[in-house]
Full PDB file with SEQRES, HELIX, SHEET, SSBOND, CRYST1, ORIGX, SCALE, CONECT and MASTER records, all heavy atoms in Angstrom:
SEQRES   1 A   41  ALA ASP GLY PRO VAL LEU TYR ILE GLY THR THR PRO PRO          
SEQRES   2 A   41  PRO GLY THR THR PRO LYS LEU GLY LEU ALA ASN GLY ARG          
SEQRES   3 A   41  ILE THR LEU ALA ASP ASP LYS GLY GLN ALA ASP ILE ASP          
SEQRES   4 A   41  LEU PRO                                                      
SHEET    1 AA1 3 GLY A  21  ALA A  23  0                                        
SHEET    2 AA1 3 ARG A  26  LEU A  29 -1                                        
SHEET    3 AA1 3 ILE A  38  LEU A  40 -1                                        
CRYST1    1.000    1.000    1.000  90.00  90.00  90.00 P 1           1          
ORIGX1      1.000000  0.000000  0.000000        0.00000                         
ORIGX2      0.000000  1.000000  0.000000        0.00000                         
ORIGX3      0.000000  0.000000  1.000000        0.00000                         
SCALE1      1.000000  0.000000  0.000000        0.00000                         
SCALE2      0.000000  1.000000  0.000000        0.00000                         
SCALE3      0.000000  0.000000  1.000000        0.00000                         
ATOM      1  N   ALA A   1      48.932  74.289 -63.407  1.00  0.00           N  
ATOM      2  CA  ALA A   1      50.307  74.758 -63.578  1.00  0.00           C  
ATOM      3  C   ALA A   1      51.253  74.199 -62.517  1.00  0.00           C  
ATOM      4  O   ALA A   1      52.453  74.082 -62.762  1.00  0.00           O  
ATOM      5  CB  ALA A   1      50.342  76.292 -63.562  1.00  0.00           C  
ATOM      6  N   ASP A   2      50.741  73.874 -61.339  1.00  0.00           N  
ATOM      7  CA  ASP A   2      51.620  73.379 -60.287  1.00  0.00           C  
ATOM      8  C   ASP A   2      50.866  72.380 -59.415  1.00  0.00           C  
ATOM      9  O   ASP A   2      49.659  72.203 -59.532  1.00  0.00           O  
ATOM     10  CB  ASP A   2      52.153  74.536 -59.437  1.00  0.00           C  
ATOM     11  CG  ASP A   2      51.026  75.409 -58.884  1.00  0.00           C  
ATOM     12  OD1 ASP A   2      49.848  75.011 -58.983  1.00  0.00           O  
ATOM     13  OD2 ASP A   2      51.321  76.494 -58.352  1.00  0.00           O  
ATOM     14  N   GLY A   3      51.630  71.732 -58.540  1.00  0.00           N  
ATOM     15  CA  GLY A   3      51.051  70.776 -57.606  1.00  0.00           C  
ATOM     16  C   GLY A   3      51.037  69.356 -58.142  1.00  0.00           C  
ATOM     17  O   GLY A   3      51.066  69.125 -59.360  1.00  0.00           O  
ATOM     18  N   PRO A   4      50.987  68.354 -57.245  1.00  0.00           N  
ATOM     19  CA  PRO A   4      50.912  66.953 -57.669  1.00  0.00           C  
ATOM     20  C   PRO A   4      49.630  66.680 -58.448  1.00  0.00           C  
ATOM     21  O   PRO A   4      48.580  67.274 -58.177  1.00  0.00           O  
ATOM     22  CB  PRO A   4      50.932  66.181 -56.343  1.00  0.00           C  
ATOM     23  CG  PRO A   4      51.492  67.133 -55.339  1.00  0.00           C  
ATOM     24  CD  PRO A   4      51.069  68.490 -55.779  1.00  0.00           C  
ATOM     25  N   VAL A   5      49.728  65.770 -59.412  1.00  0.00           N  
ATOM     26  CA  VAL A   5      48.608  65.487 -60.307  1.00  0.00           C  
ATOM     27  C   VAL A   5      48.433  63.982 -60.431  1.00  0.00           C  
ATOM     28  O   VAL A   5      49.409  63.239 -60.612  1.00  0.00           O  
ATOM     29  CB  VAL A   5      48.830  66.102 -61.702  1.00  0.00           C  
ATOM     30  CG1 VAL A   5      47.779  65.605 -62.693  1.00  0.00           C  
ATOM     31  CG2 VAL A   5      48.797  67.621 -61.626  1.00  0.00           C  
ATOM     32  N   LEU A   6      47.186  63.534 -60.304  1.00  0.00           N  
ATOM     33  CA  LEU A   6      46.796  62.178 -60.679  1.00  0.00           C  
ATOM     34  C   LEU A   6      46.118  62.289 -62.035  1.00  0.00           C  
ATOM     35  O   LEU A   6      45.049  62.898 -62.146  1.00  0.00           O  
ATOM     36  CB  LEU A   6      45.863  61.579 -59.641  1.00  0.00           C  
ATOM     37  CG  LEU A   6      45.161  60.264 -60.025  1.00  0.00           C  
ATOM     38  CD1 LEU A   6      46.172  59.161 -60.260  1.00  0.00           C  
ATOM     39  CD2 LEU A   6      44.159  59.846 -58.959  1.00  0.00           C  
ATOM     40  N   TYR A   7      46.739  61.719 -63.058  1.00  0.00           N  
ATOM     41  CA  TYR A   7      46.276  61.891 -64.435  1.00  0.00           C  
ATOM     42  C   TYR A   7      45.699  60.579 -64.940  1.00  0.00           C  
ATOM     43  O   TYR A   7      46.396  59.544 -64.968  1.00  0.00           O  
ATOM     44  CB  TYR A   7      47.443  62.339 -65.319  1.00  0.00           C  
ATOM     45  CG  TYR A   7      47.086  62.640 -66.749  1.00  0.00           C  
ATOM     46  CD1 TYR A   7      46.625  63.900 -67.119  1.00  0.00           C  
ATOM     47  CD2 TYR A   7      47.220  61.671 -67.751  1.00  0.00           C  
ATOM     48  CE1 TYR A   7      46.313  64.192 -68.441  1.00  0.00           C  
ATOM     49  CE2 TYR A   7      46.898  61.946 -69.063  1.00  0.00           C  
ATOM     50  CZ  TYR A   7      46.442  63.206 -69.403  1.00  0.00           C  
ATOM     51  OH  TYR A   7      46.117  63.489 -70.721  1.00  0.00           O  
ATOM     52  N   ILE A   8      44.425  60.598 -65.327  1.00  0.00           N  
ATOM     53  CA  ILE A   8      43.773  59.425 -65.906  1.00  0.00           C  
ATOM     54  C   ILE A   8      43.605  59.682 -67.398  1.00  0.00           C  
ATOM     55  O   ILE A   8      42.940  60.647 -67.808  1.00  0.00           O  
ATOM     56  CB  ILE A   8      42.394  59.164 -65.268  1.00  0.00           C  
ATOM     57  CG1 ILE A   8      42.494  59.153 -63.731  1.00  0.00           C  
ATOM     58  CG2 ILE A   8      41.804  57.868 -65.781  1.00  0.00           C  
ATOM     59  CD1 ILE A   8      43.266  58.012 -63.164  1.00  0.00           C  
ATOM     60  N   GLY A   9      44.225  58.855 -68.238  1.00  0.00           N  
ATOM     61  CA  GLY A   9      44.124  59.070 -69.675  1.00  0.00           C  
ATOM     62  C   GLY A   9      44.805  57.971 -70.448  1.00  0.00           C  
ATOM     63  O   GLY A   9      45.647  57.231 -69.920  1.00  0.00           O  
ATOM     64  N   THR A  10      44.459  57.869 -71.720  1.00  0.00           N  
ATOM     65  CA  THR A  10      45.036  56.828 -72.574  1.00  0.00           C  
ATOM     66  C   THR A  10      46.358  57.259 -73.193  1.00  0.00           C  
ATOM     67  O   THR A  10      47.110  56.417 -73.684  1.00  0.00           O  
ATOM     68  CB  THR A  10      44.047  56.475 -73.700  1.00  0.00           C  
ATOM     69  OG1 THR A  10      43.720  57.675 -74.431  1.00  0.00           O  
ATOM     70  CG2 THR A  10      42.770  55.883 -73.123  1.00  0.00           C  
ATOM     71  N   THR A  11      46.655  58.556 -73.178  1.00  0.00           N  
ATOM     72  CA  THR A  11      47.916  59.066 -73.714  1.00  0.00           C  
ATOM     73  C   THR A  11      48.719  59.701 -72.588  1.00  0.00           C  
ATOM     74  O   THR A  11      48.153  60.135 -71.576  1.00  0.00           O  
ATOM     75  CB  THR A  11      47.664  60.103 -74.824  1.00  0.00           C  
ATOM     76  OG1 THR A  11      46.875  61.181 -74.295  1.00  0.00           O  
ATOM     77  CG2 THR A  11      46.916  59.458 -75.992  1.00  0.00           C  
ATOM     78  N   PRO A  12      50.040  59.789 -72.738  1.00  0.00           N  
ATOM     79  CA  PRO A  12      50.866  60.323 -71.648  1.00  0.00           C  
ATOM     80  C   PRO A  12      50.519  61.774 -71.345  1.00  0.00           C  
ATOM     81  O   PRO A  12      50.075  62.526 -72.221  1.00  0.00           O  
ATOM     82  CB  PRO A  12      52.295  60.193 -72.195  1.00  0.00           C  
ATOM     83  CG  PRO A  12      52.212  59.178 -73.280  1.00  0.00           C  
ATOM     84  CD  PRO A  12      50.852  59.309 -73.878  1.00  0.00           C  
ATOM     85  N   PRO A  13      50.720  62.204 -70.106  1.00  0.00           N  
ATOM     86  CA  PRO A  13      50.511  63.617 -69.770  1.00  0.00           C  
ATOM     87  C   PRO A  13      51.473  64.496 -70.563  1.00  0.00           C  
ATOM     88  O   PRO A  13      52.639  64.122 -70.753  1.00  0.00           O  
ATOM     89  CB  PRO A  13      50.808  63.671 -68.265  1.00  0.00           C  
ATOM     90  CG  PRO A  13      50.712  62.260 -67.790  1.00  0.00           C  
ATOM     91  CD  PRO A  13      51.103  61.397 -68.934  1.00  0.00           C  
ATOM     92  N   PRO A  14      51.026  65.627 -71.038  1.00  0.00           N  
ATOM     93  CA  PRO A  14      51.919  66.518 -71.790  1.00  0.00           C  
ATOM     94  C   PRO A  14      53.119  66.941 -70.950  1.00  0.00           C  
ATOM     95  O   PRO A  14      53.007  67.186 -69.749  1.00  0.00           O  
ATOM     96  CB  PRO A  14      51.015  67.721 -72.118  1.00  0.00           C  
ATOM     97  CG  PRO A  14      49.626  67.191 -72.013  1.00  0.00           C  
ATOM     98  CD  PRO A  14      49.656  66.141 -70.958  1.00  0.00           C  
ATOM     99  N   GLY A  15      54.270  66.992 -71.605  1.00  0.00           N  
ATOM    100  CA  GLY A  15      55.485  67.428 -70.933  1.00  0.00           C  
ATOM    101  C   GLY A  15      56.176  66.375 -70.111  1.00  0.00           C  
ATOM    102  O   GLY A  15      57.076  66.696 -69.330  1.00  0.00           O  
ATOM    103  N   THR A  16      55.807  65.097 -70.270  1.00  0.00           N  
ATOM    104  CA  THR A  16      56.430  64.018 -69.513  1.00  0.00           C  
ATOM    105  C   THR A  16      57.007  62.980 -70.461  1.00  0.00           C  
ATOM    106  O   THR A  16      56.604  62.873 -71.624  1.00  0.00           O  
ATOM    107  CB  THR A  16      55.425  63.335 -68.579  1.00  0.00           C  
ATOM    108  OG1 THR A  16      54.383  62.723 -69.364  1.00  0.00           O  
ATOM    109  CG2 THR A  16      54.808  64.332 -67.619  1.00  0.00           C  
ATOM    110  N   THR A  17      57.964  62.229 -69.957  1.00  0.00           N  
ATOM    111  CA  THR A  17      58.562  61.125 -70.706  1.00  0.00           C  
ATOM    112  C   THR A  17      58.230  59.829 -69.992  1.00  0.00           C  
ATOM    113  O   THR A  17      58.779  59.550 -68.914  1.00  0.00           O  
ATOM    114  CB  THR A  17      60.088  61.286 -70.798  1.00  0.00           C  
ATOM    115  OG1 THR A  17      60.400  62.527 -71.426  1.00  0.00           O  
ATOM    116  CG2 THR A  17      60.698  60.149 -71.598  1.00  0.00           C  
ATOM    117  N   PRO A  18      57.316  59.028 -70.529  1.00  0.00           N  
ATOM    118  CA  PRO A  18      56.913  57.788 -69.845  1.00  0.00           C  
ATOM    119  C   PRO A  18      58.079  56.822 -69.699  1.00  0.00           C  
ATOM    120  O   PRO A  18      58.975  56.753 -70.543  1.00  0.00           O  
ATOM    121  CB  PRO A  18      55.822  57.221 -70.753  1.00  0.00           C  
ATOM    122  CG  PRO A  18      55.358  58.376 -71.572  1.00  0.00           C  
ATOM    123  CD  PRO A  18      56.554  59.252 -71.762  1.00  0.00           C  
ATOM    124  N   LYS A  19      58.062  56.086 -68.618  1.00  0.00           N  
ATOM    125  CA  LYS A  19      59.062  55.040 -68.407  1.00  0.00           C  
ATOM    126  C   LYS A  19      58.677  53.772 -69.154  1.00  0.00           C  
ATOM    127  O   LYS A  19      59.551  53.035 -69.612  1.00  0.00           O  
ATOM    128  CB  LYS A  19      59.192  54.772 -66.904  1.00  0.00           C  
ATOM    129  CG  LYS A  19      59.625  56.003 -66.132  1.00  0.00           C  
ATOM    130  CD  LYS A  19      59.594  55.799 -64.636  1.00  0.00           C  
ATOM    131  CE  LYS A  19      59.995  57.069 -63.910  1.00  0.00           C  
ATOM    132  NZ  LYS A  19      59.948  56.951 -62.440  1.00  0.00           N  
ATOM    133  N   LEU A  20      57.374  53.529 -69.247  1.00  0.00           N  
ATOM    134  CA  LEU A  20      56.873  52.423 -70.063  1.00  0.00           C  
ATOM    135  C   LEU A  20      56.569  52.965 -71.455  1.00  0.00           C  
ATOM    136  O   LEU A  20      55.758  53.880 -71.602  1.00  0.00           O  
ATOM    137  CB  LEU A  20      55.604  51.828 -69.458  1.00  0.00           C  
ATOM    138  CG  LEU A  20      55.749  50.779 -68.354  1.00  0.00           C  
ATOM    139  CD1 LEU A  20      54.376  50.371 -67.856  1.00  0.00           C  
ATOM    140  CD2 LEU A  20      56.518  49.569 -68.826  1.00  0.00           C  
ATOM    141  N   GLY A  21      57.213  52.398 -72.451  1.00  0.00           N  
ATOM    142  CA  GLY A  21      56.918  52.802 -73.819  1.00  0.00           C  
ATOM    143  C   GLY A  21      55.681  52.095 -74.338  1.00  0.00           C  
ATOM    144  O   GLY A  21      55.582  50.861 -74.258  1.00  0.00           O  
ATOM    145  N   LEU A  22      54.726  52.843 -74.856  1.00  0.00           N  
ATOM    146  CA  LEU A  22      53.474  52.290 -75.377  1.00  0.00           C  
ATOM    147  C   LEU A  22      53.330  52.748 -76.817  1.00  0.00           C  
ATOM    148  O   LEU A  22      52.840  53.844 -77.105  1.00  0.00           O  
ATOM    149  CB  LEU A  22      52.282  52.768 -74.537  1.00  0.00           C  
ATOM    150  CG  LEU A  22      52.348  52.459 -73.035  1.00  0.00           C  
ATOM    151  CD1 LEU A  22      51.190  53.122 -72.298  1.00  0.00           C  
ATOM    152  CD2 LEU A  22      52.347  50.965 -72.792  1.00  0.00           C  
ATOM    153  N   ALA A  23      53.787  51.906 -77.743  1.00  0.00           N  
ATOM    154  CA  ALA A  23      53.729  52.269 -79.163  1.00  0.00           C  
ATOM    155  C   ALA A  23      53.729  50.987 -79.988  1.00  0.00           C  
ATOM    156  O   ALA A  23      54.333  49.975 -79.615  1.00  0.00           O  
ATOM    157  CB  ALA A  23      54.919  53.148 -79.551  1.00  0.00           C  
ATOM    158  N   ASN A  24      53.028  51.069 -81.128  1.00  0.00           N  
ATOM    159  CA  ASN A  24      52.979  49.955 -82.091  1.00  0.00           C  
ATOM    160  C   ASN A  24      52.490  48.661 -81.443  1.00  0.00           C  
ATOM    161  O   ASN A  24      52.941  47.559 -81.804  1.00  0.00           O  
ATOM    162  CB  ASN A  24      54.360  49.734 -82.730  1.00  0.00           C  
ATOM    163  CG  ASN A  24      54.880  50.962 -83.426  1.00  0.00           C  
ATOM    164  OD1 ASN A  24      54.128  51.693 -84.082  1.00  0.00           O  
ATOM    165  ND2 ASN A  24      56.183  51.224 -83.283  1.00  0.00           N  
ATOM    166  N   GLY A  25      51.565  48.797 -80.475  1.00  0.00           N  
ATOM    167  CA  GLY A  25      50.997  47.618 -79.835  1.00  0.00           C  
ATOM    168  C   GLY A  25      51.949  46.882 -78.934  1.00  0.00           C  
ATOM    169  O   GLY A  25      51.720  45.702 -78.631  1.00  0.00           O  
ATOM    170  N   ARG A  26      53.017  47.552 -78.499  1.00  0.00           N  
ATOM    171  CA  ARG A  26      54.002  46.920 -77.631  1.00  0.00           C  
ATOM    172  C   ARG A  26      54.152  47.724 -76.334  1.00  0.00           C  
ATOM    173  O   ARG A  26      53.901  48.919 -76.288  1.00  0.00           O  
ATOM    174  CB  ARG A  26      55.377  46.825 -78.305  1.00  0.00           C  
ATOM    175  CG  ARG A  26      55.384  46.217 -79.683  1.00  0.00           C  
ATOM    176  CD  ARG A  26      55.100  44.739 -79.651  1.00  0.00           C  
ATOM    177  NE  ARG A  26      56.121  43.972 -78.936  1.00  0.00           N  
ATOM    178  CZ  ARG A  26      56.072  42.645 -78.794  1.00  0.00           C  
ATOM    179  NH1 ARG A  26      55.050  41.961 -79.309  1.00  0.00           N  
ATOM    180  NH2 ARG A  26      57.013  42.007 -78.131  1.00  0.00           N  
ATOM    181  N   ILE A  27      54.567  47.022 -75.264  1.00  0.00           N  
ATOM    182  CA  ILE A  27      54.938  47.642 -73.993  1.00  0.00           C  
ATOM    183  C   ILE A  27      56.426  47.394 -73.790  1.00  0.00           C  
ATOM    184  O   ILE A  27      56.864  46.244 -73.721  1.00  0.00           O  
ATOM    185  CB  ILE A  27      54.143  47.053 -72.818  1.00  0.00           C  
ATOM    186  CG1 ILE A  27      52.646  47.270 -73.001  1.00  0.00           C  
ATOM    187  CG2 ILE A  27      54.596  47.672 -71.500  1.00  0.00           C  
ATOM    188  CD1 ILE A  27      51.807  46.652 -71.901  1.00  0.00           C  
ATOM    189  N   THR A  28      57.196  48.466 -73.703  1.00  0.00           N  
ATOM    190  CA  THR A  28      58.646  48.327 -73.576  1.00  0.00           C  
ATOM    191  C   THR A  28      59.121  49.092 -72.347  1.00  0.00           C  
ATOM    192  O   THR A  28      58.581  50.148 -71.984  1.00  0.00           O  
ATOM    193  CB  THR A  28      59.369  48.864 -74.819  1.00  0.00           C  
ATOM    194  OG1 THR A  28      59.002  50.228 -75.032  1.00  0.00           O  
ATOM    195  CG2 THR A  28      58.993  48.046 -76.045  1.00  0.00           C  
ATOM    196  N   LEU A  29      60.152  48.559 -71.722  1.00  0.00           N  
ATOM    197  CA  LEU A  29      60.769  49.183 -70.565  1.00  0.00           C  
ATOM    198  C   LEU A  29      62.237  48.802 -70.566  1.00  0.00           C  
ATOM    199  O   LEU A  29      62.584  47.621 -70.557  1.00  0.00           O  
ATOM    200  CB  LEU A  29      60.105  48.714 -69.262  1.00  0.00           C  
ATOM    201  CG  LEU A  29      60.748  49.195 -67.968  1.00  0.00           C  
ATOM    202  CD1 LEU A  29      60.654  50.710 -67.851  1.00  0.00           C  
ATOM    203  CD2 LEU A  29      60.107  48.534 -66.751  1.00  0.00           C  
ATOM    204  N   ALA A  30      63.097  49.798 -70.612  1.00  0.00           N  
ATOM    205  CA  ALA A  30      64.541  49.559 -70.616  1.00  0.00           C  
ATOM    206  C   ALA A  30      65.180  50.579 -69.681  1.00  0.00           C  
ATOM    207  O   ALA A  30      65.086  51.782 -69.903  1.00  0.00           O  
ATOM    208  CB  ALA A  30      65.114  49.692 -72.023  1.00  0.00           C  
ATOM    209  N   ASP A  31      65.826  50.073 -68.637  1.00  0.00           N  
ATOM    210  CA  ASP A  31      66.492  50.950 -67.680  1.00  0.00           C  
ATOM    211  C   ASP A  31      67.594  50.154 -67.013  1.00  0.00           C  
ATOM    212  O   ASP A  31      67.349  49.108 -66.419  1.00  0.00           O  
ATOM    213  CB  ASP A  31      65.500  51.466 -66.639  1.00  0.00           C  
ATOM    214  CG  ASP A  31      66.066  52.652 -65.867  1.00  0.00           C  
ATOM    215  OD1 ASP A  31      67.248  52.582 -65.467  1.00  0.00           O  
ATOM    216  OD2 ASP A  31      65.347  53.633 -65.672  1.00  0.00           O  
ATOM    217  N   ASP A  32      68.837  50.643 -67.099  1.00  0.00           N  
ATOM    218  CA  ASP A  32      69.962  49.881 -66.575  1.00  0.00           C  
ATOM    219  C   ASP A  32      69.946  49.803 -65.042  1.00  0.00           C  
ATOM    220  O   ASP A  32      70.604  48.957 -64.455  1.00  0.00           O  
ATOM    221  CB  ASP A  32      71.290  50.491 -67.045  1.00  0.00           C  
ATOM    222  CG  ASP A  32      71.409  51.975 -66.689  1.00  0.00           C  
ATOM    223  OD1 ASP A  32      70.420  52.529 -66.186  1.00  0.00           O  
ATOM    224  OD2 ASP A  32      72.476  52.549 -66.938  1.00  0.00           O  
ATOM    225  N   LYS A  33      69.175  50.678 -64.388  1.00  0.00           N  
ATOM    226  CA  LYS A  33      69.088  50.629 -62.935  1.00  0.00           C  
ATOM    227  C   LYS A  33      67.921  49.784 -62.442  1.00  0.00           C  
ATOM    228  O   LYS A  33      67.834  49.488 -61.255  1.00  0.00           O  
ATOM    229  CB  LYS A  33      68.940  52.048 -62.366  1.00  0.00           C  
ATOM    230  CG  LYS A  33      70.137  52.950 -62.604  1.00  0.00           C  
ATOM    231  CD  LYS A  33      69.894  54.306 -61.963  1.00  0.00           C  
ATOM    232  CE  LYS A  33      71.065  55.242 -62.196  1.00  0.00           C  
ATOM    233  NZ  LYS A  33      70.826  56.572 -61.586  1.00  0.00           N  
ATOM    234  N   GLY A  34      66.987  49.469 -63.312  1.00  0.00           N  
ATOM    235  CA  GLY A  34      65.757  48.836 -62.891  1.00  0.00           C  
ATOM    236  C   GLY A  34      65.859  47.344 -62.716  1.00  0.00           C  
ATOM    237  O   GLY A  34      66.929  46.741 -62.789  1.00  0.00           O  
ATOM    238  N   GLN A  35      64.674  46.730 -62.521  1.00  0.00           N  
ATOM    239  CA  GLN A  35      64.620  45.305 -62.243  1.00  0.00           C  
ATOM    240  C   GLN A  35      64.657  44.452 -63.498  1.00  0.00           C  
ATOM    241  O   GLN A  35      65.169  43.336 -63.478  1.00  0.00           O  
ATOM    242  CB  GLN A  35      63.331  44.986 -61.468  1.00  0.00           C  
ATOM    243  CG  GLN A  35      63.291  45.556 -60.073  1.00  0.00           C  
ATOM    244  CD  GLN A  35      61.966  45.225 -59.412  1.00  0.00           C  
ATOM    245  OE1 GLN A  35      61.019  45.961 -59.528  1.00  0.00           O  
ATOM    246  NE2 GLN A  35      61.918  44.103 -58.720  1.00  0.00           N  
ATOM    247  N   ALA A  36      64.087  44.943 -64.602  1.00  0.00           N  
ATOM    248  CA  ALA A  36      63.951  44.087 -65.777  1.00  0.00           C  
ATOM    249  C   ALA A  36      63.789  44.940 -67.032  1.00  0.00           C  
ATOM    250  O   ALA A  36      63.328  46.080 -66.973  1.00  0.00           O  
ATOM    251  CB  ALA A  36      62.744  43.162 -65.618  1.00  0.00           C  
ATOM    252  N   ASP A  37      64.201  44.369 -68.162  1.00  0.00           N  
ATOM    253  CA  ASP A  37      63.904  44.933 -69.476  1.00  0.00           C  
ATOM    254  C   ASP A  37      62.696  44.201 -70.030  1.00  0.00           C  
ATOM    255  O   ASP A  37      62.624  42.969 -70.006  1.00  0.00           O  
ATOM    256  CB  ASP A  37      65.087  44.770 -70.428  1.00  0.00           C  
ATOM    257  CG  ASP A  37      66.289  45.605 -69.994  1.00  0.00           C  
ATOM    258  OD1 ASP A  37      66.060  46.604 -69.284  1.00  0.00           O  
ATOM    259  OD2 ASP A  37      67.424  45.259 -70.345  1.00  0.00           O  
ATOM    260  N   ILE A  38      61.725  44.968 -70.542  1.00  0.00           N  
ATOM    261  CA  ILE A  38      60.448  44.391 -70.950  1.00  0.00           C  
ATOM    262  C   ILE A  38      60.164  44.766 -72.393  1.00  0.00           C  
ATOM    263  O   ILE A  38      60.379  45.905 -72.817  1.00  0.00           O  
ATOM    264  CB  ILE A  38      59.303  44.899 -70.040  1.00  0.00           C  
ATOM    265  CG1 ILE A  38      59.485  44.361 -68.619  1.00  0.00           C  
ATOM    266  CG2 ILE A  38      57.950  44.484 -70.575  1.00  0.00           C  
ATOM    267  CD1 ILE A  38      58.466  44.874 -67.654  1.00  0.00           C  
ATOM    268  N   ASP A  39      59.672  43.797 -73.117  1.00  0.00           N  
ATOM    269  CA  ASP A  39      59.141  44.028 -74.469  1.00  0.00           C  
ATOM    270  C   ASP A  39      58.016  43.024 -74.665  1.00  0.00           C  
ATOM    271  O   ASP A  39      58.242  41.858 -74.980  1.00  0.00           O  
ATOM    272  CB  ASP A  39      60.232  43.859 -75.526  1.00  0.00           C  
ATOM    273  CG  ASP A  39      59.745  44.245 -76.922  1.00  0.00           C  
ATOM    274  OD1 ASP A  39      58.542  44.534 -77.068  1.00  0.00           O  
ATOM    275  OD2 ASP A  39      60.563  44.274 -77.852  1.00  0.00           O  
ATOM    276  N   LEU A  40      56.775  43.495 -74.445  1.00  0.00           N  
ATOM    277  CA  LEU A  40      55.614  42.620 -74.448  1.00  0.00           C  
ATOM    278  C   LEU A  40      54.529  43.200 -75.346  1.00  0.00           C  
ATOM    279  O   LEU A  40      54.470  44.414 -75.558  1.00  0.00           O  
ATOM    280  CB  LEU A  40      55.051  42.465 -73.024  1.00  0.00           C  
ATOM    281  CG  LEU A  40      55.969  41.855 -71.964  1.00  0.00           C  
ATOM    282  CD1 LEU A  40      55.320  41.993 -70.592  1.00  0.00           C  
ATOM    283  CD2 LEU A  40      56.256  40.403 -72.284  1.00  0.00           C  
ATOM    284  N   PRO A  41      53.639  42.354 -75.849  1.00  0.00           N  
ATOM    285  CA  PRO A  41      52.487  42.887 -76.590  1.00  0.00           C  
ATOM    286  C   PRO A  41      51.518  43.580 -75.639  1.00  0.00           C  
ATOM    287  O   PRO A  41      51.303  43.122 -74.518  1.00  0.00           O  
ATOM    288  CB  PRO A  41      51.866  41.636 -77.225  1.00  0.00           C  
ATOM    289  CG  PRO A  41      52.331  40.497 -76.377  1.00  0.00           C  
ATOM    290  CD  PRO A  41      53.691  40.877 -75.885  1.00  0.00           C  
TER     291      PRO A  41                                                      
MASTER        0    0    0    0    3    0    0    6  290    1    0    4          
END                                                                             
């Protein structure tokens, strides 16, 4: 319920919004503050 967590798993931790999108065999990352926009297999 509380405290920092190191989560090992193939799916995102419940209740979180991943920064890297992992869907349809693609890796996507879009953030106007970040270093790069990514769309890779």
